[in-house]
Amino acid sequence: QIFLTSNLESHSLRNHRRSHRKSLAGAVDRVEDCHDCGIVFTDIQMPGSVDGLMLSRLLRRIGLACPIFGTSARCDQVLRDECTSSGMDNLLSKPVSRRAMKEALLSVLPNE
């Protein structure tokens, strides 16, 4: 299974503070649902209180061992280092080409 995230919780700025705790709790519930995932793809910048870096930390904290790939239009070394320290396996530059996707998938699939 592949767990794709694009928006775990989206809120308007007006409701952001009030709903921060509720949003984070909801995201954690959804994160716990992906224990059977084989690969996770997530955007780095998502609306709401959980971005891709926090999602990666949460997934690792609950013991998810599958590969996590982040995507971002900004792929400088600083962001790559942040992704690595959050538990991501790779950062793909947007727009993600078929070749980059194939290489990323082949890098984590078992050799047969």
N, C-alpha and C. Protein backbone atom coordinates (compact mmCIF):
# COMPACT_ATOMS: atom_id res chain seq x y z
N GLN A 1 0.84 -1.18 0.00
CA GLN A 1 0.00 0.00 0.00
C GLN A 1 0.88 1.24 0.00
N ILE A 2 0.37 2.28 -0.64
CA ILE A 2 1.07 3.56 -0.65
C ILE A 2 0.15 4.57 0.01
N PHE A 3 0.68 5.29 0.99
CA PHE A 3 -0.07 6.30 1.71
C PHE A 3 0.32 7.66 1.14
N LEU A 4 -0.61 8.31 0.47
CA LEU A 4 -0.35 9.62 -0.11
C LEU A 4 -0.99 10.69 0.75
N THR A 5 -0.23 11.72 1.08
CA THR A 5 -0.81 12.82 1.85
C THR A 5 -0.76 14.07 1.02
N SER A 6 -1.78 14.84 1.11
CA SER A 6 -1.74 16.15 0.47
C SER A 6 -2.33 17.18 1.40
N ASN A 7 -3.16 16.74 2.32
CA ASN A 7 -3.80 17.68 3.23
C ASN A 7 -4.41 16.90 4.38
N LEU A 8 -3.65 16.70 5.44
CA LEU A 8 -4.20 15.99 6.58
C LEU A 8 -5.29 16.79 7.27
N GLU A 9 -5.11 18.06 7.37
CA GLU A 9 -6.08 18.91 8.03
C GLU A 9 -5.89 20.32 7.51
N SER A 10 -6.89 20.87 6.87
CA SER A 10 -6.79 22.21 6.32
C SER A 10 -7.75 23.14 7.07
N HIS A 11 -7.26 24.30 7.45
CA HIS A 11 -8.07 25.25 8.21
C HIS A 11 -7.83 26.66 7.70
N SER A 12 -8.82 27.48 7.85
CA SER A 12 -8.62 28.89 7.53
C SER A 12 -7.78 29.51 8.63
N LEU A 13 -7.14 30.63 8.33
CA LEU A 13 -6.32 31.30 9.34
C LEU A 13 -7.14 31.71 10.55
N ARG A 14 -8.38 32.06 10.33
CA ARG A 14 -9.26 32.51 11.41
C ARG A 14 -9.47 31.41 12.44
N ASN A 15 -9.54 30.17 11.98
CA ASN A 15 -9.82 29.06 12.88
C ASN A 15 -8.55 28.31 13.29
N HIS A 16 -7.42 28.75 12.82
CA HIS A 16 -6.19 27.99 13.02
C HIS A 16 -5.86 27.78 14.50
N ARG A 17 -5.81 28.83 15.27
CA ARG A 17 -5.43 28.70 16.68
C ARG A 17 -6.40 27.81 17.44
N ARG A 18 -7.68 28.04 17.22
CA ARG A 18 -8.71 27.29 17.94
C ARG A 18 -8.66 25.81 17.60
N SER A 19 -8.32 25.50 16.41
CA SER A 19 -8.41 24.11 15.97
C SER A 19 -7.06 23.39 15.94
N HIS A 20 -5.99 24.06 16.37
CA HIS A 20 -4.66 23.45 16.29
C HIS A 20 -4.60 22.11 17.01
N ARG A 21 -5.05 22.07 18.24
CA ARG A 21 -4.98 20.82 19.00
C ARG A 21 -5.86 19.74 18.38
N LYS A 22 -7.06 20.12 17.96
CA LYS A 22 -7.97 19.16 17.32
C LYS A 22 -7.35 18.64 16.02
N SER A 23 -6.74 19.52 15.26
CA SER A 23 -6.12 19.16 13.99
C SER A 23 -4.98 18.17 14.21
N LEU A 24 -4.14 18.45 15.17
CA LEU A 24 -3.00 17.59 15.44
C LEU A 24 -3.47 16.21 15.92
N ALA A 25 -4.48 16.19 16.78
CA ALA A 25 -5.02 14.91 17.25
C ALA A 25 -5.61 14.11 16.09
N GLY A 26 -6.32 14.77 15.19
CA GLY A 26 -6.90 14.09 14.04
C GLY A 26 -5.83 13.55 13.12
N ALA A 27 -4.77 14.31 12.95
CA ALA A 27 -3.67 13.86 12.09
C ALA A 27 -3.00 12.64 12.68
N VAL A 28 -2.80 12.63 13.99
CA VAL A 28 -2.18 11.47 14.64
C VAL A 28 -3.06 10.24 14.46
N ASP A 29 -4.38 10.40 14.58
CA ASP A 29 -5.28 9.27 14.35
C ASP A 29 -5.13 8.73 12.93
N ARG A 30 -5.04 9.62 11.96
CA ARG A 30 -4.89 9.19 10.57
C ARG A 30 -3.53 8.56 10.33
N VAL A 31 -2.51 9.09 10.97
CA VAL A 31 -1.17 8.53 10.84
C VAL A 31 -1.15 7.10 11.37
N GLU A 32 -1.83 6.85 12.47
CA GLU A 32 -1.85 5.51 13.03
C GLU A 32 -2.56 4.51 12.11
N ASP A 33 -3.40 5.00 11.20
CA ASP A 33 -4.09 4.13 10.25
C ASP A 33 -3.17 3.61 9.15
N CYS A 34 -1.98 4.13 9.02
CA CYS A 34 -1.14 3.76 7.88
C CYS A 34 -0.04 2.77 8.25
N HIS A 35 -0.24 2.00 9.32
CA HIS A 35 0.76 0.99 9.71
C HIS A 35 0.99 -0.06 8.64
N ASP A 36 0.01 -0.29 7.78
CA ASP A 36 0.16 -1.31 6.74
C ASP A 36 0.74 -0.77 5.45
N CYS A 37 1.17 0.47 5.46
CA CYS A 37 1.69 1.09 4.24
C CYS A 37 3.07 0.54 3.90
N GLY A 38 3.33 0.47 2.59
CA GLY A 38 4.65 0.05 2.14
C GLY A 38 5.55 1.22 1.82
N ILE A 39 4.96 2.32 1.36
CA ILE A 39 5.70 3.53 1.00
C ILE A 39 4.79 4.72 1.29
N VAL A 40 5.37 5.80 1.82
CA VAL A 40 4.62 7.03 2.08
C VAL A 40 5.20 8.14 1.22
N PHE A 41 4.32 8.84 0.49
CA PHE A 41 4.68 10.05 -0.24
C PHE A 41 3.95 11.21 0.41
N THR A 42 4.66 12.28 0.73
CA THR A 42 4.02 13.44 1.34
C THR A 42 4.63 14.73 0.82
N ASP A 43 3.82 15.73 0.71
CA ASP A 43 4.31 17.06 0.39
C ASP A 43 4.94 17.64 1.64
N ILE A 44 5.96 18.45 1.50
CA ILE A 44 6.60 19.07 2.66
C ILE A 44 5.70 20.16 3.24
N GLN A 45 5.14 20.98 2.39
CA GLN A 45 4.29 22.08 2.86
C GLN A 45 2.83 21.73 2.62
N MET A 46 2.12 21.44 3.72
CA MET A 46 0.69 21.16 3.65
C MET A 46 -0.03 22.17 4.53
N PRO A 47 -1.22 22.56 4.15
CA PRO A 47 -1.99 23.48 5.00
C PRO A 47 -2.38 22.79 6.29
N GLY A 48 -2.57 23.55 7.32
CA GLY A 48 -2.94 22.99 8.61
C GLY A 48 -1.73 22.93 9.53
N SER A 49 -1.87 22.20 10.59
CA SER A 49 -0.84 22.19 11.62
C SER A 49 0.20 21.10 11.43
N VAL A 50 -0.01 20.19 10.50
CA VAL A 50 0.95 19.10 10.29
C VAL A 50 1.54 19.21 8.89
N ASP A 51 2.83 19.52 8.83
CA ASP A 51 3.49 19.55 7.52
C ASP A 51 4.17 18.20 7.30
N GLY A 52 4.80 18.04 6.16
CA GLY A 52 5.43 16.77 5.83
C GLY A 52 6.55 16.37 6.78
N LEU A 53 7.27 17.35 7.30
CA LEU A 53 8.36 17.04 8.24
C LEU A 53 7.79 16.50 9.55
N MET A 54 6.73 17.15 10.06
CA MET A 54 6.12 16.68 11.29
C MET A 54 5.46 15.30 11.08
N LEU A 55 4.83 15.13 9.91
CA LEU A 55 4.22 13.84 9.61
C LEU A 55 5.27 12.74 9.64
N SER A 56 6.42 13.00 9.04
CA SER A 56 7.50 12.01 9.03
C SER A 56 7.95 11.68 10.46
N ARG A 57 8.10 12.69 11.29
CA ARG A 57 8.48 12.46 12.69
C ARG A 57 7.43 11.61 13.41
N LEU A 58 6.14 11.94 13.18
CA LEU A 58 5.06 11.18 13.81
C LEU A 58 5.06 9.72 13.35
N LEU A 59 5.25 9.51 12.06
CA LEU A 59 5.28 8.14 11.54
C LEU A 59 6.42 7.35 12.15
N ARG A 60 7.58 7.95 12.25
CA ARG A 60 8.73 7.25 12.84
C ARG A 60 8.51 7.02 14.33
N ARG A 61 7.90 7.98 15.00
CA ARG A 61 7.65 7.86 16.44
C ARG A 61 6.72 6.69 16.75
N ILE A 62 5.75 6.43 15.87
CA ILE A 62 4.83 5.31 16.13
C ILE A 62 5.38 3.99 15.58
N GLY A 63 6.58 4.03 15.05
CA GLY A 63 7.26 2.81 14.65
C GLY A 63 7.12 2.41 13.20
N LEU A 64 6.64 3.29 12.35
CA LEU A 64 6.52 2.95 10.93
C LEU A 64 7.91 2.90 10.31
N ALA A 65 8.23 1.79 9.71
CA ALA A 65 9.58 1.59 9.17
C ALA A 65 9.66 1.69 7.66
N CYS A 66 8.52 1.87 6.98
CA CYS A 66 8.54 1.91 5.52
C CYS A 66 9.21 3.20 5.02
N PRO A 67 9.61 3.21 3.76
CA PRO A 67 10.22 4.42 3.19
C PRO A 67 9.24 5.59 3.17
N ILE A 68 9.76 6.77 3.45
CA ILE A 68 8.97 8.00 3.39
C ILE A 68 9.66 8.94 2.40
N PHE A 69 8.92 9.37 1.39
CA PHE A 69 9.43 10.30 0.39
C PHE A 69 8.70 11.63 0.53
N GLY A 70 9.46 12.70 0.62
CA GLY A 70 8.87 14.03 0.62
C GLY A 70 8.95 14.64 -0.77
N THR A 71 8.05 15.57 -1.05
CA THR A 71 8.10 16.30 -2.32
C THR A 71 8.05 17.79 -2.03
N SER A 72 8.81 18.55 -2.79
CA SER A 72 8.84 19.99 -2.59
C SER A 72 9.41 20.67 -3.84
N ALA A 73 8.95 21.88 -4.07
CA ALA A 73 9.52 22.67 -5.15
C ALA A 73 10.88 23.23 -4.72
N ARG A 74 11.10 23.30 -3.42
CA ARG A 74 12.36 23.79 -2.88
C ARG A 74 13.17 22.58 -2.43
N CYS A 75 14.26 22.30 -3.08
CA CYS A 75 15.05 21.11 -2.74
C CYS A 75 16.51 21.45 -2.46
N ASP A 76 16.73 22.50 -1.69
CA ASP A 76 18.10 22.86 -1.36
C ASP A 76 18.65 21.91 -0.28
N GLN A 77 19.93 22.02 0.00
CA GLN A 77 20.58 21.11 0.94
C GLN A 77 20.02 21.27 2.36
N VAL A 78 19.65 22.47 2.74
CA VAL A 78 19.08 22.69 4.08
C VAL A 78 17.80 21.88 4.24
N LEU A 79 16.91 21.95 3.24
CA LEU A 79 15.67 21.19 3.31
C LEU A 79 15.95 19.69 3.26
N ARG A 80 16.90 19.27 2.44
CA ARG A 80 17.25 17.85 2.39
C ARG A 80 17.72 17.35 3.76
N ASP A 81 18.52 18.16 4.43
CA ASP A 81 18.99 17.80 5.77
C ASP A 81 17.83 17.74 6.77
N GLU A 82 16.88 18.68 6.67
CA GLU A 82 15.71 18.66 7.54
C GLU A 82 14.88 17.40 7.30
N CYS A 83 14.74 17.03 6.04
CA CYS A 83 13.98 15.82 5.70
C CYS A 83 14.64 14.58 6.28
N THR A 84 15.95 14.50 6.14
CA THR A 84 16.69 13.36 6.67
C THR A 84 16.54 13.29 8.19
N SER A 85 16.68 14.43 8.86
CA SER A 85 16.58 14.42 10.32
C SER A 85 15.16 14.14 10.81
N SER A 86 14.16 14.37 9.97
CA SER A 86 12.78 14.08 10.37
C SER A 86 12.41 12.62 10.11
N GLY A 87 13.29 11.89 9.43
CA GLY A 87 13.04 10.47 9.20
C GLY A 87 12.68 10.11 7.77
N MET A 88 12.72 11.09 6.87
CA MET A 88 12.42 10.80 5.47
C MET A 88 13.61 10.09 4.82
N ASP A 89 13.27 9.30 3.82
CA ASP A 89 14.31 8.57 3.09
C ASP A 89 14.82 9.34 1.88
N ASN A 90 13.97 10.21 1.33
CA ASN A 90 14.37 10.93 0.13
C ASN A 90 13.47 12.15 -0.05
N LEU A 91 13.98 13.14 -0.75
CA LEU A 91 13.21 14.33 -1.11
C LEU A 91 13.20 14.43 -2.62
N LEU A 92 12.01 14.46 -3.20
CA LEU A 92 11.87 14.55 -4.65
C LEU A 92 11.47 15.97 -5.02
N SER A 93 12.10 16.48 -6.07
CA SER A 93 11.85 17.85 -6.53
C SER A 93 10.60 17.90 -7.40
N LYS A 94 9.72 18.84 -7.10
CA LYS A 94 8.51 19.03 -7.91
C LYS A 94 8.82 19.92 -9.10
N PRO A 95 8.21 19.68 -10.22
CA PRO A 95 7.31 18.56 -10.48
C PRO A 95 8.11 17.27 -10.56
N VAL A 96 7.57 16.21 -9.97
CA VAL A 96 8.27 14.93 -9.93
C VAL A 96 8.14 14.25 -11.29
N SER A 97 9.27 13.99 -11.91
CA SER A 97 9.26 13.33 -13.22
C SER A 97 9.04 11.82 -13.04
N ARG A 98 8.63 11.19 -14.11
CA ARG A 98 8.47 9.73 -14.07
C ARG A 98 9.80 9.05 -13.74
N ARG A 99 10.86 9.58 -14.31
CA ARG A 99 12.18 8.99 -14.07
C ARG A 99 12.56 9.10 -12.58
N ALA A 100 12.35 10.27 -11.98
CA ALA A 100 12.68 10.45 -10.56
C ALA A 100 11.83 9.53 -9.68
N MET A 101 10.54 9.40 -10.03
CA MET A 101 9.66 8.52 -9.27
C MET A 101 10.12 7.06 -9.40
N LYS A 102 10.47 6.66 -10.60
CA LYS A 102 10.93 5.29 -10.83
C LYS A 102 12.21 5.02 -10.05
N GLU A 103 13.16 5.96 -10.10
CA GLU A 103 14.42 5.78 -9.38
C GLU A 103 14.20 5.70 -7.87
N ALA A 104 13.28 6.54 -7.37
CA ALA A 104 12.98 6.53 -5.94
C ALA A 104 12.37 5.18 -5.53
N LEU A 105 11.43 4.72 -6.32
CA LEU A 105 10.79 3.43 -6.00
C LEU A 105 11.77 2.27 -6.10
N LEU A 106 12.59 2.28 -7.15
CA LEU A 106 13.56 1.20 -7.31
C LEU A 106 14.61 1.21 -6.19
N SER A 107 14.88 2.38 -5.63
CA SER A 107 15.87 2.47 -4.56
C SER A 107 15.41 1.80 -3.26
N VAL A 108 14.11 1.59 -3.11
CA VAL A 108 13.61 0.99 -1.87
C VAL A 108 12.97 -0.38 -2.08
N LEU A 109 12.77 -0.78 -3.33
CA LEU A 109 12.20 -2.10 -3.58
C LEU A 109 13.27 -3.16 -3.45
N PRO A 110 12.89 -4.34 -2.96
CA PRO A 110 13.89 -5.40 -2.83
C PRO A 110 14.39 -5.84 -4.21
N ASN A 111 15.67 -6.15 -4.27
CA ASN A 111 16.26 -6.65 -5.52
C ASN A 111 15.83 -8.08 -5.74
N GLU A 112 15.38 -8.37 -6.94
CA GLU A 112 14.98 -9.74 -7.27
C GLU A 112 15.65 -10.18 -8.55
